[in-house]
Amino acid sequence: MTDRPEASEIWMGPLPALTEGGLAAPRIGIAGISIESSTFSPHVSGDEAFTIRTGEELIGYYPFLDAGRELREAATWVPLYHGRSLPGGAVDPETYRRMKQAILTAIRAEGPFDGFFFDIHGAMSVIGMQDAEGDLAAAVREALGPDTLISTSMDLHGNVSEVLRDEVDLLTCYRMAPHEDWLNTKERAVWNLLARLRGPHGADPALRRPYKAWVPVPVLLPGEKTSTRLEPARSIYAELPGIEAMEGVVDASVWIGYAWADEPRCQAYVVVMGDDEQLIAREAERVARMFWDAREGFVFVAPTASLDGALEKALAPDAARPYVISDSGDNPTAGGAGDVTWTLGELLARPELTDGSRTTLVASIFDAPAVQAAREAGVGATVTLTAGARVDAGPRGPVQITGRVHSLTDGDPDAGMQAVIAVGGLHAIITERRKPFHHLDDFRMLGLDPESADIVVVKIGYLEPELYDLAADWTLALTPGGVDQDLLRLGHHHLLPGVFPFDTDGRPTLTAHVSRREETHAC
């Protein structure tokens, strides 16, 4: 299927030896807020959206910091506060304010720190703000003081604004999409932090900071066009390990940017860090030119079609099975609300899907009252439910389902109670709360067998690894929703001038901005 490296093959190696002047046991705090937020979705991410971790629960979130591991023993760790949410709509301002204040209060109570692991996503939008991570980074820097070394881990679909760039000292992001290396990236951020603190300038706050060569690339594409499984993203990201291995380089990263927020910071970025200013500028500009020159070569990760076109392929007599269809416009892992009913309504209107001649699994819509009605009726009962469109009405509004309660399953930490309503061979999954379906066990726990199904419809963009392996064939359906793959019909108004494909006449200079805190110049 692919010769991409397994995540287990790219963990960081041993730390460099402690050198004279380096810090043997630096004190390092951990905090952050992580969410990907679509400003085109009516969903609002409030307190209920976030899982809050503090203390031992937070440090336990990172397996590379388990007791006895080298990174754990190399520092005194102070886990403060971290809020993490599934992707969704923009964050409620009061929810953001409370989380931000909790982080700042903890920093002031537990500091000072030699280093700080700032674990964020990079695409958090907060209602009424244009650069939420920049705002958080500036506040964290003020609370920490000027000398603490801040290392930041990000999703490659995040954005590196000038404010964020200037307030933190070390930046890195994922190199794989799908994000099989998400934990590797967090480990790399911590490894880089410790390596700088242990180095010969570890005790000198000015010298332990590497230079950052930052190049914004005015291209904004959906993640489904930039999978590292395919060219040209594959070759662009393949450049990074070689750059990182050069003498005088600390890290090299490429951010795709986040397509479903309408903010000036939304675009691609290249950042190369190190102590050789000329080298990092040269390499950052070279990769940025690769990205810009390839802008028209990015293609969707799978064949695309309308939903009708996808169904025509899936229903063909010679179609390979199971046939997977991505319902991409309402993908909750990109920020979609998760309760747009358009696709389910279209499927229910197709007699060949409801006559029992084939098995179709449809994941999913969240609607707590609909789940409760199924629960009251009980397994085996025939029910008529109105479901979905409570958050995002989409083009259809609520959908009516008449069918048999196939199963009721409680206890899922994300979904809560889940109901499956069978309409002939079509099995509609309704959840109490928003949930992405990425794993085969997500279906199996509901009494469904995805491997023996004819068609599996999932609210997702590119397929996560288990679904990718499941699919005998698949189509990315270009469906409506808050993360519509057709960016031009969403209505961006606040992007910077010249961003492709909104502006096809741009000719950027792609010149590196080289800086470290308290020192800035063009190279």
Protein backbone atom coordinates (compact mmCIF):
# COMPACT_ATOMS: atom_id res chain seq x y z
CA MET A 1 0.00 0.00 0.00
CA THR A 2 2.81 2.44 0.90
CA ASP A 3 6.50 2.50 1.66
CA ARG A 4 6.26 5.42 4.07
CA PRO A 5 8.20 4.87 7.30
CA GLU A 6 6.37 3.42 10.24
CA ALA A 7 6.05 5.84 13.15
CA SER A 8 8.03 3.42 15.33
CA GLU A 9 11.01 3.87 13.01
CA ILE A 10 11.37 7.62 13.50
CA TRP A 11 11.56 8.17 17.24
CA MET A 12 14.42 10.39 18.34
CA GLY A 13 17.72 8.84 19.32
CA PRO A 14 19.69 9.38 22.55
CA LEU A 15 20.21 12.90 23.81
CA PRO A 16 23.57 14.53 23.15
CA ALA A 17 26.01 14.33 26.01
CA LEU A 18 25.85 17.05 28.63
CA THR A 19 28.56 19.59 27.86
CA GLU A 20 30.35 22.14 29.99
CA GLY A 21 27.99 25.02 30.65
CA GLY A 22 24.89 22.97 29.87
CA LEU A 23 22.07 22.38 32.33
CA ALA A 24 22.16 18.89 33.86
CA ALA A 25 18.65 18.92 35.29
CA PRO A 26 16.65 21.81 33.81
CA ARG A 27 13.24 22.59 35.20
CA ILE A 28 10.66 22.34 32.41
CA GLY A 29 6.96 23.21 32.45
CA ILE A 30 4.30 21.70 30.16
CA ALA A 31 1.13 23.43 29.01
CA GLY A 32 -0.95 24.28 25.95
CA ILE A 33 -4.30 24.25 24.19
CA SER A 34 -4.92 22.07 21.15
CA ILE A 35 -7.86 22.27 18.77
CA GLU A 36 -8.41 22.70 15.02
CA SER A 37 -11.30 25.13 14.48
CA SER A 38 -13.33 25.80 11.36
CA THR A 39 -14.67 29.33 11.20
CA PHE A 40 -17.10 28.14 8.51
CA SER A 41 -18.84 25.73 10.88
CA PRO A 42 -21.64 27.00 13.13
CA HIS A 43 -20.43 24.66 15.87
CA VAL A 44 -19.00 26.44 18.92
CA SER A 45 -16.38 24.62 20.99
CA GLY A 46 -17.17 25.29 24.63
CA ASP A 47 -16.01 23.82 27.92
CA GLU A 48 -17.60 20.48 27.09
CA ALA A 49 -15.36 20.07 24.03
CA PHE A 50 -12.08 20.01 25.95
CA THR A 51 -10.36 17.29 27.89
CA ILE A 52 -8.29 18.97 30.58
CA ARG A 53 -5.13 17.29 31.86
CA THR A 54 -2.99 18.47 34.75
CA GLY A 55 -0.29 16.98 36.96
CA GLU A 56 0.48 13.28 36.57
CA GLU A 57 -2.34 12.78 34.10
CA LEU A 58 -0.71 15.33 31.81
CA ILE A 59 2.80 13.93 31.98
CA GLY A 60 1.32 10.47 31.47
CA TYR A 61 -0.12 11.67 28.15
CA TYR A 62 3.40 11.57 26.69
CA PRO A 63 4.82 8.01 26.64
CA PHE A 64 8.32 9.31 25.93
CA LEU A 65 8.17 10.89 29.41
CA ASP A 66 7.36 7.62 31.17
CA ALA A 67 9.38 6.93 34.32
CA GLY A 68 12.77 5.52 33.46
CA ARG A 69 12.87 6.92 29.91
CA GLU A 70 15.88 9.07 29.07
CA LEU A 71 13.87 12.23 28.43
CA ARG A 72 12.01 11.87 31.73
CA GLU A 73 15.22 11.52 33.70
CA ALA A 74 16.99 14.38 31.92
CA ALA A 75 14.88 17.12 33.52
CA THR A 76 12.60 18.05 36.37
CA TRP A 77 9.17 18.07 34.72
CA VAL A 78 6.35 20.28 35.93
CA PRO A 79 3.11 19.38 34.11
CA LEU A 80 0.80 22.37 34.46
CA TYR A 81 -2.36 22.42 32.32
CA HIS A 82 -3.38 21.24 28.87
CA GLY A 83 -6.73 21.45 27.09
CA ARG A 84 -7.33 19.22 24.08
CA SER A 85 -10.42 18.94 21.90
CA LEU A 86 -11.53 17.12 18.82
CA PRO A 87 -11.59 19.52 15.87
CA GLY A 88 -14.73 21.63 15.79
CA GLY A 89 -16.00 25.13 15.41
CA ALA A 90 -14.39 28.25 16.81
CA VAL A 91 -13.78 28.30 20.56
CA ASP A 92 -16.12 30.15 22.89
CA PRO A 93 -14.21 33.24 24.12
CA GLU A 94 -14.97 32.51 27.77
CA THR A 95 -13.78 28.92 27.41
CA TYR A 96 -10.52 30.18 25.91
CA ARG A 97 -10.15 32.85 28.58
CA ARG A 98 -10.54 30.30 31.40
CA MET A 99 -8.02 27.88 29.90
CA LYS A 100 -5.54 30.66 29.15
CA GLN A 101 -5.86 32.01 32.68
CA ALA A 102 -5.37 28.54 34.17
CA ILE A 103 -2.10 28.20 32.25
CA LEU A 104 -0.83 31.63 33.26
CA THR A 105 -1.80 31.12 36.92
CA ALA A 106 0.03 27.77 36.98
CA ILE A 107 3.16 29.27 35.37
CA ARG A 108 3.30 32.03 37.96
CA ALA A 109 2.65 29.63 40.83
CA GLU A 110 5.13 26.92 39.78
CA GLY A 111 7.88 28.92 38.03
CA PRO A 112 10.55 29.84 37.29
CA PHE A 113 11.43 27.43 34.47
CA ASP A 114 14.53 26.86 32.38
CA GLY A 115 12.44 25.43 29.55
CA PHE A 116 8.81 25.11 28.53
CA PHE A 117 7.07 22.54 26.32
CA PHE A 118 4.26 24.47 24.60
CA ASP A 119 1.98 21.81 23.12
CA ILE A 120 -0.47 23.40 20.67
CA HIS A 121 -2.17 22.63 17.35
CA GLY A 122 -1.73 25.87 15.42
CA ALA A 123 -5.25 26.17 13.98
CA MET A 124 -7.24 27.21 17.03
CA SER A 125 -9.74 29.93 16.22
CA VAL A 126 -11.48 31.84 18.99
CA ILE A 127 -14.60 33.84 18.27
CA GLY A 128 -13.60 37.49 17.88
CA MET A 129 -9.84 36.81 17.46
CA GLN A 130 -7.59 36.51 14.41
CA ASP A 131 -4.55 34.73 15.90
CA ALA A 132 -5.45 32.75 18.99
CA GLU A 133 -2.16 30.84 19.29
CA GLY A 134 -0.23 34.07 18.87
CA ASP A 135 -2.25 35.60 21.69
CA LEU A 136 -1.63 32.57 23.91
CA ALA A 137 2.08 32.46 23.09
CA ALA A 138 2.52 36.15 23.91
CA ALA A 139 0.77 35.70 27.26
CA VAL A 140 2.81 32.59 28.08
CA ARG A 141 6.04 34.40 27.21
CA GLU A 142 5.12 37.31 29.45
CA ALA A 143 4.36 34.97 32.35
CA LEU A 144 7.53 32.93 31.86
CA GLY A 145 9.84 35.88 31.39
CA PRO A 146 12.41 36.49 28.65
CA ASP A 147 14.94 33.78 29.54
CA THR A 148 12.86 30.59 29.46
CA LEU A 149 13.43 28.50 26.33
CA ILE A 150 10.06 27.63 24.73
CA SER A 151 9.75 24.63 22.42
CA THR A 152 6.53 24.23 20.46
CA SER A 153 4.99 21.13 18.90
CA MET A 154 2.34 21.66 16.21
CA ASP A 155 0.15 19.95 13.64
CA LEU A 156 1.30 20.50 10.06
CA HIS A 157 -2.16 21.98 9.41
CA GLY A 158 -1.38 24.78 11.84
CA ASN A 159 -0.25 28.31 11.03
CA VAL A 160 2.95 30.09 12.10
CA SER A 161 2.03 33.74 12.46
CA GLU A 162 4.68 36.40 13.03
CA VAL A 163 3.56 36.73 16.65
CA LEU A 164 3.89 33.00 17.32
CA ARG A 165 7.22 32.90 15.50
CA ASP A 166 8.64 35.71 17.61
CA GLU A 167 7.38 34.57 21.02
CA VAL A 168 8.67 30.97 20.97
CA ASP A 169 12.22 29.74 20.47
CA LEU A 170 11.84 26.30 18.88
CA LEU A 171 9.14 25.10 16.45
CA THR A 172 8.43 21.78 14.83
CA CYS A 173 5.42 20.05 13.27
CA TYR A 174 4.22 16.71 11.94
CA ARG A 175 5.83 15.32 8.79
CA MET A 176 3.13 12.78 7.96
CA ALA A 177 -0.46 13.21 6.81
CA PRO A 178 -2.35 11.22 8.02
CA HIS A 179 -0.64 12.09 11.30
CA GLU A 180 0.93 8.79 12.24
CA ASP A 181 3.90 10.68 13.69
CA TRP A 182 2.00 12.94 16.08
CA LEU A 183 3.71 11.53 19.16
CA ASN A 184 7.08 11.44 17.42
CA THR A 185 6.73 15.15 16.76
CA LYS A 186 6.00 15.96 20.37
CA GLU A 187 9.02 13.93 21.37
CA ARG A 188 11.14 15.81 18.82
CA ALA A 189 10.04 19.13 20.33
CA VAL A 190 11.08 17.94 23.79
CA TRP A 191 14.32 16.42 22.48
CA ASN A 192 15.25 19.69 20.75
CA LEU A 193 14.50 21.61 23.93
CA LEU A 194 16.66 19.38 26.09
CA ALA A 195 19.47 19.28 23.52
CA ARG A 196 19.72 23.07 23.53
CA LEU A 197 19.61 23.26 27.31
CA ARG A 198 22.30 20.56 27.64
CA GLY A 199 24.59 22.15 25.05
CA PRO A 200 27.62 24.35 25.69
CA HIS A 201 25.44 27.47 25.78
CA GLY A 202 22.68 25.93 27.85
CA ALA A 203 23.17 28.34 30.73
CA ASP A 204 23.18 31.41 28.45
CA PRO A 205 19.60 32.37 27.52
CA ALA A 206 20.77 34.36 24.50
CA LEU A 207 23.08 31.77 22.93
CA ARG A 208 20.98 28.66 23.55
CA ARG A 209 18.28 29.98 21.22
CA PRO A 210 18.78 28.93 17.60
CA TYR A 211 18.06 31.26 14.73
CA LYS A 212 14.78 30.69 12.88
CA ALA A 213 14.53 31.11 9.11
CA TRP A 214 10.80 31.66 8.45
CA VAL A 215 9.30 31.80 4.97
CA PRO A 216 5.55 32.24 4.48
CA VAL A 217 4.35 30.56 1.28
CA PRO A 218 1.08 32.05 -0.04
CA VAL A 219 -0.62 28.75 -0.78
CA LEU A 220 -3.66 27.42 1.09
CA LEU A 221 -4.89 23.93 0.28
CA PRO A 222 -7.11 21.39 2.03
CA GLY A 223 -5.29 18.57 3.77
CA GLU A 224 -6.89 16.11 1.37
CA LYS A 225 -4.78 17.63 -1.41
CA THR A 226 -1.55 17.52 0.57
CA SER A 227 -1.26 14.00 1.90
CA THR A 228 2.36 12.95 2.33
CA ARG A 229 1.38 9.62 0.78
CA LEU A 230 1.37 11.36 -2.60
CA GLU A 231 3.46 13.74 -4.68
CA PRO A 232 4.32 16.55 -4.48
CA ALA A 233 3.96 16.67 -0.68
CA ARG A 234 5.83 13.38 -0.40
CA SER A 235 8.99 14.77 -1.99
CA ILE A 236 8.77 18.11 -0.18
CA TYR A 237 8.59 16.45 3.22
CA ALA A 238 11.31 13.98 2.21
CA GLU A 239 13.72 16.94 2.13
CA LEU A 240 13.37 17.66 5.83
CA PRO A 241 15.41 14.84 7.47
CA GLY A 242 18.37 15.62 5.22
CA ILE A 243 18.25 19.31 6.08
CA GLU A 244 17.93 18.53 9.78
CA ALA A 245 21.04 16.34 9.58
CA MET A 246 23.21 19.21 8.27
CA GLU A 247 25.83 20.69 10.59
CA GLY A 248 24.42 23.88 12.06
CA VAL A 249 20.74 22.90 11.69
CA VAL A 250 18.42 22.02 14.58
CA ASP A 251 15.10 21.33 12.82
CA ALA A 252 13.31 21.77 9.50
CA SER A 253 9.52 21.89 9.17
CA VAL A 254 6.81 22.62 6.62
CA TRP A 255 3.32 23.73 7.62
CA ILE A 256 0.51 23.25 5.10
CA GLY A 257 -1.66 25.75 6.97
CA TYR A 258 -5.34 25.45 7.86
CA ALA A 259 -7.76 25.92 4.99
CA TRP A 260 -11.08 26.18 6.86
CA ALA A 261 -10.42 29.31 8.89
CA ASP A 262 -10.72 32.78 7.42
CA GLU A 263 -7.76 34.52 9.06
CA PRO A 264 -4.73 36.41 7.68
CA ARG A 265 -2.29 33.84 9.13
CA CYS A 266 -3.78 30.97 7.12
CA GLN A 267 -1.22 29.85 4.53
CA ALA A 268 1.78 27.53 4.24
CA TYR A 269 5.09 28.11 6.05
CA VAL A 270 8.62 26.77 6.03
CA VAL A 271 10.80 27.12 9.14
CA VAL A 272 14.40 25.93 9.43
CA MET A 273 16.22 26.50 12.73
CA GLY A 274 19.89 26.37 13.58
CA ASP A 275 23.07 28.27 14.38
CA ASP A 276 24.25 28.78 10.78
CA GLU A 277 22.19 31.73 9.62
CA GLN A 278 23.15 31.54 5.95
CA LEU A 279 22.54 27.80 5.74
CA ILE A 280 19.11 27.83 7.36
CA ALA A 281 17.99 30.77 5.22
CA ARG A 282 19.16 29.02 2.06
CA GLU A 283 17.42 25.76 2.90
CA ALA A 284 14.19 27.41 4.05
CA GLU A 285 14.00 29.40 0.82
CA ARG A 286 14.81 26.32 -1.28
CA VAL A 287 11.99 24.27 0.25
CA ALA A 288 9.61 27.23 0.05
CA ARG A 289 10.34 27.50 -3.68
CA MET A 290 9.70 23.76 -4.05
CA PHE A 291 6.32 24.23 -2.39
CA TRP A 292 5.39 27.28 -4.46
CA ASP A 293 6.52 25.74 -7.74
CA ALA A 294 4.44 22.62 -6.99
CA ARG A 295 1.28 24.52 -6.03
CA GLU A 296 -0.71 23.44 -9.08
CA GLY A 297 0.45 19.84 -8.79
CA PHE A 298 -1.28 19.05 -5.51
CA VAL A 299 -4.16 16.67 -6.13
CA PHE A 300 -6.74 14.99 -3.98
CA VAL A 301 -5.57 11.88 -2.19
CA ALA A 302 -8.19 9.76 -3.95
CA PRO A 303 -10.49 9.96 -6.95
CA THR A 304 -13.15 12.56 -6.26
CA ALA A 305 -16.79 12.77 -7.27
CA SER A 306 -20.13 14.11 -6.18
CA LEU A 307 -21.97 11.81 -3.79
CA ASP A 308 -24.03 10.52 -6.70
CA GLY A 309 -20.85 9.82 -8.62
CA ALA A 310 -19.31 8.01 -5.67
CA LEU A 311 -22.42 5.88 -5.24
CA GLU A 312 -22.44 5.03 -8.94
CA LYS A 313 -18.94 3.60 -8.51
CA ALA A 314 -19.77 1.82 -5.26
CA LEU A 315 -22.93 0.24 -6.69
CA ALA A 316 -21.32 -0.99 -9.88
CA PRO A 317 -21.59 -4.79 -10.20
CA ASP A 318 -17.82 -5.14 -10.40
CA ALA A 319 -17.03 -2.73 -7.55
CA ALA A 320 -14.45 -3.99 -5.06
CA ARG A 321 -15.78 -4.40 -1.54
CA PRO A 322 -15.87 -2.97 0.97
CA TYR A 323 -16.12 0.28 -0.96
CA VAL A 324 -15.40 3.30 1.26
CA ILE A 325 -16.86 6.75 0.61
CA SER A 326 -15.49 9.81 2.40
CA ASP A 327 -18.27 12.24 3.32
CA SER A 328 -15.69 15.02 3.35
CA GLY A 329 -17.70 18.20 3.78
CA ASP A 330 -18.75 17.49 7.37
CA ASN A 331 -15.55 15.78 8.54
CA PRO A 332 -15.43 16.33 12.33
CA THR A 333 -11.66 15.74 12.42
CA ALA A 334 -11.18 18.80 10.21
CA GLY A 335 -13.62 20.99 12.14
CA GLY A 336 -17.00 20.01 10.68
CA ALA A 337 -19.97 20.04 13.03
CA GLY A 338 -20.59 16.33 12.47
CA ASP A 339 -24.40 16.54 12.27
CA VAL A 340 -24.95 17.65 8.66
CA THR A 341 -27.60 15.27 7.31
CA TRP A 342 -27.27 15.83 3.58
CA THR A 343 -25.43 12.60 2.80
CA LEU A 344 -27.58 10.38 5.02
CA GLY A 345 -30.73 11.86 3.48
CA GLU A 346 -29.45 11.10 -0.01
CA LEU A 347 -28.59 7.53 0.97
CA LEU A 348 -31.99 6.89 2.55
CA ALA A 349 -33.63 7.99 -0.69
CA ARG A 350 -31.85 5.24 -2.67
CA PRO A 351 -34.00 2.05 -2.70
CA GLU A 352 -31.00 -0.06 -3.71
CA LEU A 353 -29.41 0.81 -0.36
CA THR A 354 -32.48 0.16 1.80
CA ASP A 355 -33.98 -2.93 0.15
CA GLY A 356 -31.73 -5.34 2.04
CA SER A 357 -29.78 -6.49 -1.00
CA ARG A 358 -26.51 -5.06 0.31
CA THR A 359 -25.05 -3.78 3.58
CA THR A 360 -24.18 -0.11 3.96
CA LEU A 361 -22.72 1.44 7.12
CA VAL A 362 -23.07 5.20 7.58
CA ALA A 363 -21.04 6.99 10.26
CA SER A 364 -22.32 9.19 11.71
CA ILE A 365 -24.63 11.93 13.03
CA PHE A 366 -24.71 13.14 16.61
CA ASP A 367 -28.10 13.90 18.13
CA ALA A 368 -28.66 13.16 21.83
CA PRO A 369 -32.50 13.31 21.75
CA ALA A 370 -32.61 10.91 18.79
CA VAL A 371 -30.36 8.47 20.63
CA GLN A 372 -32.56 8.75 23.71
CA ALA A 373 -35.66 7.98 21.64
CA ALA A 374 -33.98 4.85 20.28
CA ARG A 375 -32.95 3.88 23.79
CA GLU A 376 -36.51 4.20 25.07
CA ALA A 377 -37.78 2.05 22.21
CA GLY A 378 -35.15 -0.64 22.79
CA VAL A 379 -33.17 -2.98 20.56
CA GLY A 380 -35.38 -4.65 17.93
CA ALA A 381 -38.08 -1.99 18.01
CA THR A 382 -39.15 -0.10 14.91
CA VAL A 383 -38.83 3.63 15.39
CA THR A 384 -39.28 6.84 13.47
CA LEU A 385 -36.66 9.40 14.46
CA THR A 386 -35.82 12.93 13.44
CA ALA A 387 -32.07 13.34 13.66
CA GLY A 388 -29.24 15.75 12.97
CA ALA A 389 -28.91 19.38 11.87
CA ARG A 390 -29.18 20.72 15.41
CA VAL A 391 -25.86 22.55 15.02
CA ASP A 392 -25.29 22.76 11.27
CA ALA A 393 -28.57 22.71 9.33
CA GLY A 394 -26.67 22.38 6.06
CA PRO A 395 -28.68 22.19 2.84
CA ARG A 396 -31.21 19.64 4.12
CA GLY A 397 -32.07 20.20 7.79
CA PRO A 398 -33.08 17.30 10.06
CA VAL A 399 -33.59 13.91 8.43
CA GLN A 400 -36.37 11.45 9.28
CA ILE A 401 -35.35 7.82 9.75
CA THR A 402 -37.78 4.93 10.08
CA GLY A 403 -36.10 1.65 10.87
CA ARG A 404 -35.25 -1.03 13.40
CA VAL A 405 -33.02 -0.34 16.40
CA HIS A 406 -30.11 -2.63 15.53
CA SER A 407 -28.01 -1.90 18.62
CA LEU A 408 -27.55 0.42 21.58
CA THR A 409 -24.05 0.87 23.01
CA ASP A 410 -23.08 3.00 25.98
CA GLY A 411 -19.79 4.05 27.51
CA ASP A 412 -17.78 5.44 24.59
CA PRO A 413 -15.67 8.31 25.99
CA ASP A 414 -16.26 10.47 22.92
CA ALA A 415 -19.66 9.41 21.60
CA GLY A 416 -21.47 8.54 24.81
CA MET A 417 -24.52 6.42 23.99
CA GLN A 418 -24.65 5.20 20.37
CA ALA A 419 -27.64 3.88 18.42
CA VAL A 420 -27.65 2.05 15.11
CA ILE A 421 -30.87 2.27 13.10
CA ALA A 422 -31.21 -0.32 10.34
CA VAL A 423 -33.28 0.68 7.32
CA GLY A 424 -33.13 -2.52 5.33
CA GLY A 425 -29.42 -3.01 4.71
CA LEU A 426 -28.52 0.60 5.51
CA HIS A 427 -27.22 1.06 9.06
CA ALA A 428 -27.26 4.68 10.25
CA ILE A 429 -25.08 5.39 13.29
CA ILE A 430 -26.36 8.10 15.63
CA THR A 431 -24.24 9.20 18.57
CA GLU A 432 -25.00 11.20 21.68
CA ARG A 433 -21.92 13.40 21.15
CA ARG A 434 -19.57 14.16 18.26
CA LYS A 435 -17.26 11.30 17.35
CA PRO A 436 -14.98 10.54 14.41
CA PHE A 437 -14.94 6.95 13.15
CA HIS A 438 -11.32 6.07 12.36
CA HIS A 439 -10.96 2.50 13.63
CA LEU A 440 -12.61 -0.78 12.74
CA ASP A 441 -13.44 -1.34 16.40
CA ASP A 442 -15.53 1.85 16.31
CA PHE A 443 -17.94 -0.16 14.14
CA ARG A 444 -17.45 -3.56 15.73
CA MET A 445 -18.42 -2.32 19.17
CA LEU A 446 -21.83 -1.44 17.67
CA GLY A 447 -22.44 -4.93 16.33
CA LEU A 448 -21.35 -3.97 12.81
CA ASP A 449 -18.71 -5.68 10.67
CA PRO A 450 -17.06 -3.19 8.31
CA GLU A 451 -14.98 -5.89 6.63
CA SER A 452 -18.07 -7.71 5.36
CA ALA A 453 -20.02 -4.56 4.41
CA ASP A 454 -20.54 -3.61 0.79
CA ILE A 455 -20.29 0.16 1.35
CA VAL A 456 -18.88 2.12 4.29
CA VAL A 457 -19.59 5.86 4.41
CA VAL A 458 -17.50 7.85 6.89
CA LYS A 459 -17.34 11.56 7.68
CA ILE A 460 -13.66 11.98 6.96
CA GLY A 461 -11.30 13.36 4.33
CA TYR A 462 -8.28 11.21 3.57
CA LEU A 463 -8.61 7.81 5.17
CA GLU A 464 -6.91 7.08 8.45
CA PRO A 465 -4.65 3.99 8.32
CA GLU A 466 -7.19 1.32 9.37
CA LEU A 467 -9.81 2.63 6.95
CA TYR A 468 -7.19 2.95 4.23
CA ASP A 469 -6.29 -0.70 4.69
CA LEU A 470 -9.97 -1.69 4.86
CA ALA A 471 -10.90 -0.06 1.56
CA ALA A 472 -10.79 -2.33 -1.45
CA ASP A 473 -11.53 0.89 -3.33
CA TRP A 474 -12.70 4.34 -2.31
CA THR A 475 -13.88 7.77 -3.43
CA LEU A 476 -13.56 11.16 -1.78
CA ALA A 477 -17.08 12.57 -2.10
CA LEU A 478 -17.17 16.37 -2.40
CA THR A 479 -20.10 16.94 -0.08
CA PRO A 480 -21.33 20.16 1.57
CA GLY A 481 -20.44 21.24 5.11
CA GLY A 482 -18.22 23.44 7.23
CA VAL A 483 -15.04 21.88 5.81
CA ASP A 484 -16.09 21.84 2.17
CA GLN A 485 -13.17 20.74 -0.01
CA ASP A 486 -14.11 23.35 -2.61
CA LEU A 487 -12.49 26.26 -0.81
CA LEU A 488 -13.51 28.84 -3.38
CA ARG A 489 -17.20 28.42 -2.56
CA LEU A 490 -16.72 28.87 1.21
CA GLY A 491 -16.23 32.65 1.11
CA HIS A 492 -12.83 33.57 2.59
CA HIS A 493 -12.52 37.34 3.04
CA HIS A 494 -9.57 37.87 5.39
CA LEU A 495 -6.68 36.02 3.77
CA LEU A 496 -3.61 38.02 2.83
CA PRO A 497 -3.43 39.16 -0.81
CA GLY A 498 -1.82 36.76 -3.26
CA VAL A 499 -2.77 33.43 -1.64
CA PHE A 500 -3.21 30.64 -4.18
CA PRO A 501 -5.73 29.41 -5.37
CA PHE A 502 -7.80 32.43 -4.36
CA ASP A 503 -5.35 34.61 -6.28
CA THR A 504 -3.61 32.97 -9.23
CA ASP A 505 -1.49 35.98 -10.22
CA GLY A 506 0.72 36.18 -7.11
CA ARG A 507 4.52 36.18 -7.41
CA PRO A 508 5.97 35.99 -3.89
CA THR A 509 9.61 36.79 -3.11
CA LEU A 510 9.96 33.80 -0.71
CA THR A 511 12.75 35.50 1.22
CA ALA A 512 13.62 34.09 4.62
CA HIS A 513 13.07 36.19 7.70
CA VAL A 514 15.91 35.15 10.05
CA SER A 515 15.51 35.89 13.73
CA ARG A 516 15.82 34.86 17.28
CA ARG A 517 14.36 36.72 20.21
CA GLU A 518 15.72 40.25 20.51
CA GLU A 519 17.49 39.94 17.14
CA THR A 520 15.77 40.21 13.76
CA HIS A 521 16.96 40.79 10.18
CA ALA A 522 16.38 39.71 6.58
CA CYS A 523 18.82 37.34 4.96
